[in-house]
Amino acid sequence: MKLWFLIVASLVTGSFQSVNSSDLDQLQFDGATLVQVVEYMREKAKEPRMRNIICDPRIDTERKVTLYLNHISMGNALMCLLDHADLDYRLDEHAVVIVPKWEGELGKRKPHPAESIARFPDVSKSAGCLFDHVEFADVPIKDVVRYISDRSVEVNPEMGGINVVFNHYVDPDMSVSLDLKQVTVARLLYRISQLTQLEIRPEPFAICLDPPGTKALSEARRKLRRRDRLAKLSESGGNSGKMRGKGYTIGRIPNDPRSPTHPDYVGSSADDIRTRTNALNNVYKWVNGKWTFVRYGSGDPHHPTLDENGRRLITPNLDAASLR
């Protein structure tokens, strides 16, 4: 459905391909603790590394977990657990380590291309799974999710069911009321998101329901992480990644006398002098042995959005193509 093309999702590939050999017919927990779920998955796992799932000491292992999954691989079940509990993972040589969010592999992944979302298993299933009648009267969202998972198995047993996961910060007792006939699961979820203001986020392992504003916060977090990486590049001249060989840098360069932000720097124009106090995300290029001002960044309070020609300025999400 075109509906799904409007939603950006993160791709999970590669890292868990080797641990997807252990299939579970059913994995259902209602208010279990994280440590209980992890212990259960260790017992059911066949792949050695999955039998060594451990939690970082900073993780609250008593946090509650509510999951209703059918016909799912062990690797995808772990991804559902991490998504629901708002956690991340790190792969060690002989173990999978559960770590705080944004500190593991998931935090490094880029948004998946929208055109590929329709190929995610649960997304394609949801578009083809038809319920003849669905009626909820103040039903908790956790029971709605369980109904969709179990009913989809009954309607299309050969598909193996549709797995839906709601985030740890979604109230499991949030009520849903609706009455629909001849509705696909995709349309049903869309209607639920309209009623509850929850955000739909398709993933390769499940369809996820997030609290309002999650997508915007995640995008802001990615931009901040990118800006932090660029700040680190600035200390070495910015010659890395897309900027390799172009000599660009962004923002302040601490204790570097070549920088227009350094007290000992003597600029040759009013622009250079002004950047000494307002150089936040401003862009410079190394030319003839010194850093040369290129343009103002979005953080400059005197030039927040436009340059002298009315063109859009560089943002913290620096793109090398815009500087050519």
C-alpha atoms as a PDB file:
ATOM      1  CA  MET A   1       0.000   0.000   0.000  1.00  0.00           C
ATOM      2  CA  LYS A   2       1.167   3.543  -0.701  1.00  0.00           C
ATOM      3  CA  LEU A   3       0.452   4.325   2.931  1.00  0.00           C
ATOM      4  CA  TRP A   4       3.671   2.627   3.974  1.00  0.00           C
ATOM      5  CA  PHE A   5       5.804   4.628   1.551  1.00  0.00           C
ATOM      6  CA  LEU A   6       5.183   7.732   3.654  1.00  0.00           C
ATOM      7  CA  ILE A   7       6.871   6.223   6.704  1.00  0.00           C
ATOM      8  CA  VAL A   8      10.623   6.037   7.211  1.00  0.00           C
ATOM      9  CA  ALA A   9      11.975   2.875   8.835  1.00  0.00           C
ATOM     10  CA  SER A  10      15.407   1.661   9.937  1.00  0.00           C
ATOM     11  CA  LEU A  11      16.851  -1.355   8.120  1.00  0.00           C
ATOM     12  CA  VAL A  12      18.079  -4.248  10.204  1.00  0.00           C
ATOM     13  CA  THR A  13      20.230  -6.578   8.124  1.00  0.00           C
ATOM     14  CA  GLY A  14      23.475  -8.457   8.293  1.00  0.00           C
ATOM     15  CA  SER A  15      24.258  -8.553  11.988  1.00  0.00           C
ATOM     16  CA  PHE A  16      21.627 -11.117  12.919  1.00  0.00           C
ATOM     17  CA  GLN A  17      21.514 -13.169   9.746  1.00  0.00           C
ATOM     18  CA  SER A  18      23.568 -15.863  11.450  1.00  0.00           C
ATOM     19  CA  VAL A  19      21.229 -16.160  14.432  1.00  0.00           C
ATOM     20  CA  ASN A  20      17.902 -16.406  12.622  1.00  0.00           C
ATOM     21  CA  SER A  21      17.939 -20.209  12.550  1.00  0.00           C
ATOM     22  CA  SER A  22      15.859 -20.746  15.718  1.00  0.00           C
ATOM     23  CA  ASP A  23      12.182 -20.267  14.929  1.00  0.00           C
ATOM     24  CA  LEU A  24       9.558 -19.809  17.633  1.00  0.00           C
ATOM     25  CA  ASP A  25       5.956 -20.797  16.986  1.00  0.00           C
ATOM     26  CA  GLN A  26       4.865 -18.399  19.694  1.00  0.00           C
ATOM     27  CA  LEU A  27       6.465 -15.955  22.101  1.00  0.00           C
ATOM     28  CA  GLN A  28       4.006 -14.160  24.368  1.00  0.00           C
ATOM     29  CA  PHE A  29       4.692 -12.219  27.569  1.00  0.00           C
ATOM     30  CA  ASP A  30       2.290  -9.981  29.482  1.00  0.00           C
ATOM     31  CA  GLY A  31       4.074  -7.873  32.076  1.00  0.00           C
ATOM     32  CA  ALA A  32       7.106 -10.150  32.416  1.00  0.00           C
ATOM     33  CA  THR A  33      10.419  -8.635  33.460  1.00  0.00           C
ATOM     34  CA  LEU A  34      13.209  -8.100  30.959  1.00  0.00           C
ATOM     35  CA  VAL A  35      15.425 -10.639  32.702  1.00  0.00           C
ATOM     36  CA  GLN A  36      12.666 -13.281  32.512  1.00  0.00           C
ATOM     37  CA  VAL A  37      12.296 -12.780  28.761  1.00  0.00           C
ATOM     38  CA  VAL A  38      16.064 -12.889  28.226  1.00  0.00           C
ATOM     39  CA  GLU A  39      16.357 -16.123  30.224  1.00  0.00           C
ATOM     40  CA  TYR A  40      13.561 -17.694  28.174  1.00  0.00           C
ATOM     41  CA  MET A  41      15.256 -16.739  24.906  1.00  0.00           C
ATOM     42  CA  ARG A  42      18.559 -18.164  26.111  1.00  0.00           C
ATOM     43  CA  GLU A  43      16.869 -21.490  26.816  1.00  0.00           C
ATOM     44  CA  LYS A  44      15.161 -21.637  23.414  1.00  0.00           C
ATOM     45  CA  ALA A  45      18.158 -20.492  21.357  1.00  0.00           C
ATOM     46  CA  LYS A  46      20.187 -22.947  19.301  1.00  0.00           C
ATOM     47  CA  GLU A  47      22.885 -20.638  17.980  1.00  0.00           C
ATOM     48  CA  PRO A  48      25.755 -20.282  20.530  1.00  0.00           C
ATOM     49  CA  ARG A  49      25.880 -16.504  20.579  1.00  0.00           C
ATOM     50  CA  MET A  50      22.131 -16.258  21.212  1.00  0.00           C
ATOM     51  CA  ARG A  51      22.536 -18.498  24.256  1.00  0.00           C
ATOM     52  CA  ASN A  52      24.773 -15.800  25.710  1.00  0.00           C
ATOM     53  CA  ILE A  53      22.462 -12.791  25.747  1.00  0.00           C
ATOM     54  CA  ILE A  54      23.634 -10.538  28.558  1.00  0.00           C
ATOM     55  CA  CYS A  55      22.527  -7.132  29.840  1.00  0.00           C
ATOM     56  CA  ASP A  56      24.727  -4.113  30.385  1.00  0.00           C
ATOM     57  CA  PRO A  57      24.868  -3.305  34.151  1.00  0.00           C
ATOM     58  CA  ARG A  58      23.150   0.027  33.455  1.00  0.00           C
ATOM     59  CA  ILE A  59      20.021  -1.707  32.131  1.00  0.00           C
ATOM     60  CA  ASP A  60      17.003  -2.018  34.421  1.00  0.00           C
ATOM     61  CA  THR A  61      16.350  -5.743  34.106  1.00  0.00           C
ATOM     62  CA  GLU A  62      13.085  -5.430  36.062  1.00  0.00           C
ATOM     63  CA  ARG A  63      11.356  -3.279  33.432  1.00  0.00           C
ATOM     64  CA  LYS A  64       8.113  -4.799  32.221  1.00  0.00           C
ATOM     65  CA  VAL A  65       7.802  -6.471  28.824  1.00  0.00           C
ATOM     66  CA  THR A  66       4.598  -7.180  26.894  1.00  0.00           C
ATOM     67  CA  LEU A  67       5.057  -9.023  23.598  1.00  0.00           C
ATOM     68  CA  TYR A  68       2.741 -11.151  21.452  1.00  0.00           C
ATOM     69  CA  LEU A  69       4.705 -12.760  18.613  1.00  0.00           C
ATOM     70  CA  ASN A  70       3.890 -15.698  16.340  1.00  0.00           C
ATOM     71  CA  HIS A  71       6.112 -17.744  14.001  1.00  0.00           C
ATOM     72  CA  ILE A  72       9.210 -15.613  14.352  1.00  0.00           C
ATOM     73  CA  SER A  73      12.935 -16.301  14.225  1.00  0.00           C
ATOM     74  CA  MET A  74      14.965 -15.940  17.398  1.00  0.00           C
ATOM     75  CA  GLY A  75      16.953 -13.074  15.918  1.00  0.00           C
ATOM     76  CA  ASN A  76      13.814 -11.151  14.974  1.00  0.00           C
ATOM     77  CA  ALA A  77      12.271 -11.921  18.363  1.00  0.00           C
ATOM     78  CA  LEU A  78      15.287 -10.299  19.995  1.00  0.00           C
ATOM     79  CA  MET A  79      14.888  -7.262  17.738  1.00  0.00           C
ATOM     80  CA  CYS A  80      11.222  -7.013  18.784  1.00  0.00           C
ATOM     81  CA  LEU A  81      12.251  -7.187  22.436  1.00  0.00           C
ATOM     82  CA  LEU A  82      14.833  -4.429  22.000  1.00  0.00           C
ATOM     83  CA  ASP A  83      12.387  -2.251  20.088  1.00  0.00           C
ATOM     84  CA  HIS A  84       9.644  -2.706  22.678  1.00  0.00           C
ATOM     85  CA  ALA A  85      11.987  -2.086  25.621  1.00  0.00           C
ATOM     86  CA  ASP A  86      13.618   0.916  23.888  1.00  0.00           C
ATOM     87  CA  LEU A  87      17.078  -0.643  24.044  1.00  0.00           C
ATOM     88  CA  ASP A  88      19.976  -1.421  21.716  1.00  0.00           C
ATOM     89  CA  TYR A  89      22.505  -4.213  21.273  1.00  0.00           C
ATOM     90  CA  ARG A  90      26.210  -4.764  20.757  1.00  0.00           C
ATOM     91  CA  LEU A  91      27.708  -7.904  19.230  1.00  0.00           C
ATOM     92  CA  ASP A  92      30.683  -9.360  21.069  1.00  0.00           C
ATOM     93  CA  GLU A  93      32.636 -12.382  19.893  1.00  0.00           C
ATOM     94  CA  HIS A  94      30.621 -14.887  21.910  1.00  0.00           C
ATOM     95  CA  ALA A  95      27.624 -12.896  23.133  1.00  0.00           C
ATOM     96  CA  VAL A  96      24.891 -10.408  22.370  1.00  0.00           C
ATOM     97  CA  VAL A  97      25.023  -7.529  24.857  1.00  0.00           C
ATOM     98  CA  ILE A  98      21.879  -5.475  25.494  1.00  0.00           C
ATOM     99  CA  VAL A  99      22.877  -1.819  25.965  1.00  0.00           C
ATOM    100  CA  PRO A 100      21.047   1.515  26.400  1.00  0.00           C
ATOM    101  CA  LYS A 101      19.400   2.990  23.334  1.00  0.00           C
ATOM    102  CA  TRP A 102      21.660   4.814  20.839  1.00  0.00           C
ATOM    103  CA  GLU A 103      24.763   3.077  22.209  1.00  0.00           C
ATOM    104  CA  GLY A 104      24.744   0.020  19.948  1.00  0.00           C
ATOM    105  CA  GLU A 105      24.265  -1.135  16.381  1.00  0.00           C
ATOM    106  CA  LEU A 106      20.702   0.151  15.989  1.00  0.00           C
ATOM    107  CA  GLY A 107      21.735   3.689  16.821  1.00  0.00           C
ATOM    108  CA  LYS A 108      24.227   3.663  13.944  1.00  0.00           C
ATOM    109  CA  ARG A 109      21.774   2.609  11.256  1.00  0.00           C
ATOM    110  CA  LYS A 110      20.412   4.970   8.649  1.00  0.00           C
ATOM    111  CA  PRO A 111      16.715   5.246   7.749  1.00  0.00           C
ATOM    112  CA  HIS A 112      15.687   2.630   5.235  1.00  0.00           C
ATOM    113  CA  PRO A 113      14.697   3.799   1.718  1.00  0.00           C
ATOM    114  CA  ALA A 114      10.932   4.284   1.654  1.00  0.00           C
ATOM    115  CA  GLU A 115      10.538   2.306  -1.565  1.00  0.00           C
ATOM    116  CA  SER A 116      11.818  -0.831   0.183  1.00  0.00           C
ATOM    117  CA  ILE A 117       9.331  -0.745   3.065  1.00  0.00           C
ATOM    118  CA  ALA A 118       6.641  -2.586   1.107  1.00  0.00           C
ATOM    119  CA  ARG A 119       8.977  -5.596   0.925  1.00  0.00           C
ATOM    120  CA  PHE A 120       9.168  -5.963   4.707  1.00  0.00           C
ATOM    121  CA  PRO A 121       7.438  -9.280   5.557  1.00  0.00           C
ATOM    122  CA  ASP A 122       4.865  -7.969   8.034  1.00  0.00           C
ATOM    123  CA  VAL A 123       4.066  -4.972   5.842  1.00  0.00           C
ATOM    124  CA  SER A 124       3.323  -7.115   2.794  1.00  0.00           C
ATOM    125  CA  LYS A 125       1.284  -9.513   4.950  1.00  0.00           C
ATOM    126  CA  SER A 126      -0.743  -6.666   6.446  1.00  0.00           C
ATOM    127  CA  ALA A 127      -1.802  -5.449   3.019  1.00  0.00           C
ATOM    128  CA  GLY A 128      -3.125  -8.893   2.054  1.00  0.00           C
ATOM    129  CA  CYS A 129      -4.683 -10.059   5.338  1.00  0.00           C
ATOM    130  CA  LEU A 130      -8.418  -9.247   5.397  1.00  0.00           C
ATOM    131  CA  PHE A 131     -10.593  -9.295   8.521  1.00  0.00           C
ATOM    132  CA  ASP A 132     -14.312  -9.535   7.826  1.00  0.00           C
ATOM    133  CA  HIS A 133     -15.316  -7.668  10.992  1.00  0.00           C
ATOM    134  CA  VAL A 134     -13.380  -5.953  13.785  1.00  0.00           C
ATOM    135  CA  GLU A 135     -15.066  -4.367  16.790  1.00  0.00           C
ATOM    136  CA  PHE A 136     -13.287  -2.909  19.818  1.00  0.00           C
ATOM    137  CA  ALA A 137     -15.054  -1.153  22.698  1.00  0.00           C
ATOM    138  CA  ASP A 138     -12.516   0.429  25.054  1.00  0.00           C
ATOM    139  CA  VAL A 139     -10.094  -2.434  24.476  1.00  0.00           C
ATOM    140  CA  PRO A 140      -6.516  -1.890  25.779  1.00  0.00           C
ATOM    141  CA  ILE A 141      -3.941  -1.456  23.024  1.00  0.00           C
ATOM    142  CA  LYS A 142      -1.998  -4.480  24.300  1.00  0.00           C
ATOM    143  CA  ASP A 143      -5.081  -6.670  23.707  1.00  0.00           C
ATOM    144  CA  VAL A 144      -5.591  -5.107  20.275  1.00  0.00           C
ATOM    145  CA  VAL A 145      -2.022  -6.033  19.335  1.00  0.00           C
ATOM    146  CA  ARG A 146      -2.531  -9.573  20.597  1.00  0.00           C
ATOM    147  CA  TYR A 147      -5.797  -9.854  18.657  1.00  0.00           C
ATOM    148  CA  ILE A 148      -4.122  -8.793  15.408  1.00  0.00           C
ATOM    149  CA  SER A 149      -1.275 -11.258  15.898  1.00  0.00           C
ATOM    150  CA  ASP A 150      -3.510 -14.232  16.746  1.00  0.00           C
ATOM    151  CA  ARG A 151      -6.319 -13.434  14.306  1.00  0.00           C
ATOM    152  CA  SER A 152      -3.917 -13.025  11.393  1.00  0.00           C
ATOM    153  CA  VAL A 153      -2.682 -16.581  12.012  1.00  0.00           C
ATOM    154  CA  GLU A 154      -6.267 -17.856  11.924  1.00  0.00           C
ATOM    155  CA  VAL A 155      -7.151 -15.972   8.731  1.00  0.00           C
ATOM    156  CA  ASN A 156      -3.975 -16.834   6.808  1.00  0.00           C
ATOM    157  CA  PRO A 157      -2.152 -19.728   8.534  1.00  0.00           C
ATOM    158  CA  GLU A 158       0.302 -20.087   5.655  1.00  0.00           C
ATOM    159  CA  MET A 159       1.572 -16.523   6.209  1.00  0.00           C
ATOM    160  CA  GLY A 160       2.564 -17.218   9.798  1.00  0.00           C
ATOM    161  CA  GLY A 161       0.818 -14.227  11.317  1.00  0.00           C
ATOM    162  CA  ILE A 162       1.551 -10.507  11.537  1.00  0.00           C
ATOM    163  CA  ASN A 163       3.687  -9.284  14.412  1.00  0.00           C
ATOM    164  CA  VAL A 164       2.972  -5.864  15.918  1.00  0.00           C
ATOM    165  CA  VAL A 165       5.115  -4.362  18.690  1.00  0.00           C
ATOM    166  CA  PHE A 166       4.292  -1.291  20.761  1.00  0.00           C
ATOM    167  CA  ASN A 167       7.013   0.782  22.393  1.00  0.00           C
ATOM    168  CA  HIS A 168       7.843   0.677  26.101  1.00  0.00           C
ATOM    169  CA  TYR A 169       6.573   4.265  26.458  1.00  0.00           C
ATOM    170  CA  VAL A 170       3.135   3.479  25.026  1.00  0.00           C
ATOM    171  CA  ASP A 171       0.580   2.912  27.786  1.00  0.00           C
ATOM    172  CA  PRO A 172      -0.435  -0.762  27.372  1.00  0.00           C
ATOM    173  CA  ASP A 173      -3.868   0.065  28.805  1.00  0.00           C
ATOM    174  CA  MET A 174      -4.580   2.828  26.280  1.00  0.00           C
ATOM    175  CA  SER A 175      -8.131   2.115  25.092  1.00  0.00           C
ATOM    176  CA  VAL A 176      -9.213   1.649  21.484  1.00  0.00           C
ATOM    177  CA  SER A 177     -12.805   1.783  20.210  1.00  0.00           C
ATOM    178  CA  LEU A 178     -13.766   1.131  16.592  1.00  0.00           C
ATOM    179  CA  ASP A 179     -16.062  -0.931  14.409  1.00  0.00           C
ATOM    180  CA  LEU A 180     -14.859  -1.878  10.919  1.00  0.00           C
ATOM    181  CA  LYS A 181     -15.930  -4.404   8.315  1.00  0.00           C
ATOM    182  CA  GLN A 182     -13.914  -5.934   5.482  1.00  0.00           C
ATOM    183  CA  VAL A 183     -10.691  -4.253   6.537  1.00  0.00           C
ATOM    184  CA  THR A 184      -7.090  -5.233   5.904  1.00  0.00           C
ATOM    185  CA  VAL A 185      -4.631  -5.240   8.791  1.00  0.00           C
ATOM    186  CA  ALA A 186      -2.763  -2.369   7.148  1.00  0.00           C
ATOM    187  CA  ARG A 187      -5.898  -0.225   7.080  1.00  0.00           C
ATOM    188  CA  LEU A 188      -6.831  -1.336  10.602  1.00  0.00           C
ATOM    189  CA  LEU A 189      -3.454  -0.222  11.954  1.00  0.00           C
ATOM    190  CA  TYR A 190      -3.741   3.067  10.105  1.00  0.00           C
ATOM    191  CA  ARG A 191      -7.139   3.684  11.687  1.00  0.00           C
ATOM    192  CA  ILE A 192      -5.780   2.797  15.135  1.00  0.00           C
ATOM    193  CA  SER A 193      -2.924   5.261  14.666  1.00  0.00           C
ATOM    194  CA  GLN A 194      -5.436   7.983  13.793  1.00  0.00           C
ATOM    195  CA  LEU A 195      -7.500   7.307  16.915  1.00  0.00           C
ATOM    196  CA  THR A 196      -4.579   6.985  19.345  1.00  0.00           C
ATOM    197  CA  GLN A 197      -2.069   9.378  17.706  1.00  0.00           C
ATOM    198  CA  LEU A 198       0.496   6.567  17.781  1.00  0.00           C
ATOM    199  CA  GLU A 199       3.072   6.541  14.984  1.00  0.00           C
ATOM    200  CA  ILE A 200       3.427   3.506  12.713  1.00  0.00           C
ATOM    201  CA  ARG A 201       7.015   2.456  12.004  1.00  0.00           C
ATOM    202  CA  PRO A 202       7.457  -0.614   9.774  1.00  0.00           C
ATOM    203  CA  GLU A 203      10.577  -2.679  10.430  1.00  0.00           C
ATOM    204  CA  PRO A 204      11.911  -5.842   8.757  1.00  0.00           C
ATOM    205  CA  PHE A 205      11.036  -7.813  11.905  1.00  0.00           C
ATOM    206  CA  ALA A 206       7.605  -6.332  12.833  1.00  0.00           C
ATOM    207  CA  ILE A 207       5.281  -3.348  12.577  1.00  0.00           C
ATOM    208  CA  CYS A 208       6.018  -1.004  15.471  1.00  0.00           C
ATOM    209  CA  LEU A 209       3.786   1.514  17.247  1.00  0.00           C
ATOM    210  CA  ASP A 210       5.561   4.504  18.793  1.00  0.00           C
ATOM    211  CA  PRO A 211       4.433   7.413  21.003  1.00  0.00           C
ATOM    212  CA  PRO A 212       3.589  10.692  19.217  1.00  0.00           C
ATOM    213  CA  GLY A 213       6.667  12.666  18.170  1.00  0.00           C
ATOM    214  CA  THR A 214       9.053   9.696  18.137  1.00  0.00           C
ATOM    215  CA  LYS A 215       9.934  10.083  14.468  1.00  0.00           C
ATOM    216  CA  ALA A 216      10.832  13.762  14.871  1.00  0.00           C
ATOM    217  CA  LEU A 217      12.926  13.056  17.967  1.00  0.00           C
ATOM    218  CA  SER A 218      14.790  10.239  16.230  1.00  0.00           C
ATOM    219  CA  GLU A 219      15.544  12.461  13.248  1.00  0.00           C
ATOM    220  CA  ALA A 220      16.809  15.216  15.539  1.00  0.00           C
ATOM    221  CA  ARG A 221      18.996  12.700  17.350  1.00  0.00           C
ATOM    222  CA  ARG A 222      20.493  11.500  14.055  1.00  0.00           C
ATOM    223  CA  LYS A 223      21.302  15.098  13.079  1.00  0.00           C
ATOM    224  CA  LEU A 224      22.984  15.717  16.412  1.00  0.00           C
ATOM    225  CA  ARG A 225      25.060  12.565  16.046  1.00  0.00           C
ATOM    226  CA  ARG A 226      26.055  13.644  12.547  1.00  0.00           C
ATOM    227  CA  ARG A 227      27.019  17.095  13.790  1.00  0.00           C
ATOM    228  CA  ASP A 228      29.123  15.513  16.541  1.00  0.00           C
ATOM    229  CA  ARG A 229      30.933  13.411  13.942  1.00  0.00           C
ATOM    230  CA  LEU A 230      31.578  16.495  11.830  1.00  0.00           C
ATOM    231  CA  ALA A 231      32.907  18.340  14.863  1.00  0.00           C
ATOM    232  CA  LYS A 232      35.414  15.538  15.399  1.00  0.00           C
ATOM    233  CA  LEU A 233      36.374  15.705  11.730  1.00  0.00           C
ATOM    234  CA  SER A 234      37.030  19.419  12.083  1.00  0.00           C
ATOM    235  CA  GLU A 235      39.907  18.724  14.459  1.00  0.00           C
ATOM    236  CA  SER A 236      41.642  16.721  11.738  1.00  0.00           C
ATOM    237  CA  GLY A 237      40.793  18.999   8.846  1.00  0.00           C
ATOM    238  CA  GLY A 238      37.536  17.344   7.904  1.00  0.00           C
ATOM    239  CA  ASN A 239      39.167  14.975   5.444  1.00  0.00           C
ATOM    240  CA  SER A 240      36.998  11.926   6.009  1.00  0.00           C
ATOM    241  CA  GLY A 241      33.942  10.236   4.514  1.00  0.00           C
ATOM    242  CA  LYS A 242      32.134  12.312   1.909  1.00  0.00           C
ATOM    243  CA  MET A 243      34.400  15.257   2.726  1.00  0.00           C
ATOM    244  CA  ARG A 244      37.631  13.325   2.133  1.00  0.00           C
ATOM    245  CA  GLY A 245      40.124  15.297   0.060  1.00  0.00           C
ATOM    246  CA  LYS A 246      37.951  18.433  -0.039  1.00  0.00           C
ATOM    247  CA  GLY A 247      39.506  20.083   3.011  1.00  0.00           C
ATOM    248  CA  TYR A 248      36.227  21.225   4.552  1.00  0.00           C
ATOM    249  CA  THR A 249      35.519  21.689   8.220  1.00  0.00           C
ATOM    250  CA  ILE A 250      32.547  22.881  10.248  1.00  0.00           C
ATOM    251  CA  GLY A 251      32.107  24.670  13.558  1.00  0.00           C
ATOM    252  CA  ARG A 252      34.726  25.569  16.125  1.00  0.00           C
ATOM    253  CA  ILE A 253      38.275  24.165  16.073  1.00  0.00           C
ATOM    254  CA  PRO A 254      39.437  24.336  19.728  1.00  0.00           C
ATOM    255  CA  ASN A 255      42.930  25.725  20.370  1.00  0.00           C
ATOM    256  CA  ASP A 256      43.779  25.928  16.678  1.00  0.00           C
ATOM    257  CA  PRO A 257      45.389  29.304  15.811  1.00  0.00           C
ATOM    258  CA  ARG A 258      44.498  28.734  12.162  1.00  0.00           C
ATOM    259  CA  SER A 259      40.796  28.917  13.033  1.00  0.00           C
ATOM    260  CA  PRO A 260      38.820  32.180  12.693  1.00  0.00           C
ATOM    261  CA  THR A 261      37.471  31.432  16.198  1.00  0.00           C
ATOM    262  CA  HIS A 262      40.915  31.533  17.831  1.00  0.00           C
ATOM    263  CA  PRO A 263      41.899  34.777  19.666  1.00  0.00           C
ATOM    264  CA  ASP A 264      45.228  34.964  17.789  1.00  0.00           C
ATOM    265  CA  TYR A 265      43.622  34.719  14.371  1.00  0.00           C
ATOM    266  CA  VAL A 266      43.742  37.907  12.284  1.00  0.00           C
ATOM    267  CA  GLY A 267      41.070  38.027   9.630  1.00  0.00           C
ATOM    268  CA  SER A 268      41.324  39.890   6.355  1.00  0.00           C
ATOM    269  CA  SER A 269      37.687  40.929   6.086  1.00  0.00           C
ATOM    270  CA  ALA A 270      34.680  41.899   8.177  1.00  0.00           C
ATOM    271  CA  ASP A 271      33.276  38.422   7.656  1.00  0.00           C
ATOM    272  CA  ASP A 272      36.366  36.823   9.206  1.00  0.00           C
ATOM    273  CA  ILE A 273      36.216  39.137  12.213  1.00  0.00           C
ATOM    274  CA  ARG A 274      32.545  38.433  12.757  1.00  0.00           C
ATOM    275  CA  THR A 275      33.099  34.674  12.742  1.00  0.00           C
ATOM    276  CA  ARG A 276      35.430  34.968  15.720  1.00  0.00           C
ATOM    277  CA  THR A 277      32.410  35.401  18.002  1.00  0.00           C
ATOM    278  CA  ASN A 278      29.581  33.845  15.994  1.00  0.00           C
ATOM    279  CA  ALA A 279      31.204  30.758  14.484  1.00  0.00           C
ATOM    280  CA  LEU A 280      28.676  28.054  15.323  1.00  0.00           C
ATOM    281  CA  ASN A 281      28.313  25.614  12.428  1.00  0.00           C
ATOM    282  CA  ASN A 282      29.919  28.158  10.098  1.00  0.00           C
ATOM    283  CA  VAL A 283      31.846  26.518   7.270  1.00  0.00           C
ATOM    284  CA  TYR A 284      35.503  27.114   6.381  1.00  0.00           C
ATOM    285  CA  LYS A 285      37.851  25.737   3.737  1.00  0.00           C
ATOM    286  CA  TRP A 286      41.591  25.264   4.057  1.00  0.00           C
ATOM    287  CA  VAL A 287      43.095  27.485   1.341  1.00  0.00           C
ATOM    288  CA  ASN A 288      46.708  28.614   0.961  1.00  0.00           C
ATOM    289  CA  GLY A 289      47.755  27.535   4.437  1.00  0.00           C
ATOM    290  CA  LYS A 290      44.831  28.899   6.436  1.00  0.00           C
ATOM    291  CA  TRP A 291      41.149  28.300   7.147  1.00  0.00           C
ATOM    292  CA  THR A 292      39.083  30.522   4.853  1.00  0.00           C
ATOM    293  CA  PHE A 293      35.484  31.473   5.589  1.00  0.00           C
ATOM    294  CA  VAL A 294      32.970  29.915   3.162  1.00  0.00           C
ATOM    295  CA  ARG A 295      29.496  30.602   4.551  1.00  0.00           C
ATOM    296  CA  TYR A 296      27.463  31.040   7.684  1.00  0.00           C
ATOM    297  CA  GLY A 297      25.911  28.008   9.347  1.00  0.00           C
ATOM    298  CA  SER A 298      22.455  27.676  10.829  1.00  0.00           C
ATOM    299  CA  GLY A 299      23.827  28.377  14.312  1.00  0.00           C
ATOM    300  CA  ASP A 300      25.005  31.935  13.547  1.00  0.00           C
ATOM    301  CA  PRO A 301      22.584  34.284  15.378  1.00  0.00           C
ATOM    302  CA  HIS A 302      23.167  37.112  12.889  1.00  0.00           C
ATOM    303  CA  HIS A 303      22.751  34.977   9.773  1.00  0.00           C
ATOM    304  CA  PRO A 304      20.343  32.202  10.810  1.00  0.00           C
ATOM    305  CA  THR A 305      18.858  31.124   7.498  1.00  0.00           C
ATOM    306  CA  LEU A 306      19.885  33.048   4.368  1.00  0.00           C
ATOM    307  CA  ASP A 307      23.032  34.435   2.818  1.00  0.00           C
ATOM    308  CA  GLU A 308      23.377  37.776   1.037  1.00  0.00           C
ATOM    309  CA  ASN A 309      21.822  36.294  -2.109  1.00  0.00           C
ATOM    310  CA  GLY A 310      18.808  34.886  -0.286  1.00  0.00           C
ATOM    311  CA  ARG A 311      19.958  31.284  -0.684  1.00  0.00           C
ATOM    312  CA  ARG A 312      19.363  28.586   1.921  1.00  0.00           C
ATOM    313  CA  LEU A 313      22.373  28.173   4.188  1.00  0.00           C
ATOM    314  CA  ILE A 314      24.239  25.086   5.252  1.00  0.00           C
ATOM    315  CA  THR A 315      22.664  23.180   8.165  1.00  0.00           C
ATOM    316  CA  PRO A 316      24.230  20.881  10.791  1.00  0.00           C
ATOM    317  CA  ASN A 317      23.413  18.022   8.411  1.00  0.00           C
ATOM    318  CA  LEU A 318      26.389  18.962   6.242  1.00  0.00           C
ATOM    319  CA  ASP A 319      26.284  17.832   2.634  1.00  0.00           C
ATOM    320  CA  ALA A 320      29.502  17.944   0.616  1.00  0.00           C
ATOM    321  CA  ALA A 321      27.559  18.513  -2.606  1.00  0.00           C
ATOM    322  CA  SER A 322      26.289  21.862  -1.316  1.00  0.00           C
ATOM    323  CA  LEU A 323      29.850  23.136  -0.953  1.00  0.00           C
ATOM    324  CA  ARG A 324      31.152  22.283  -4.392  1.00  0.00           C
END
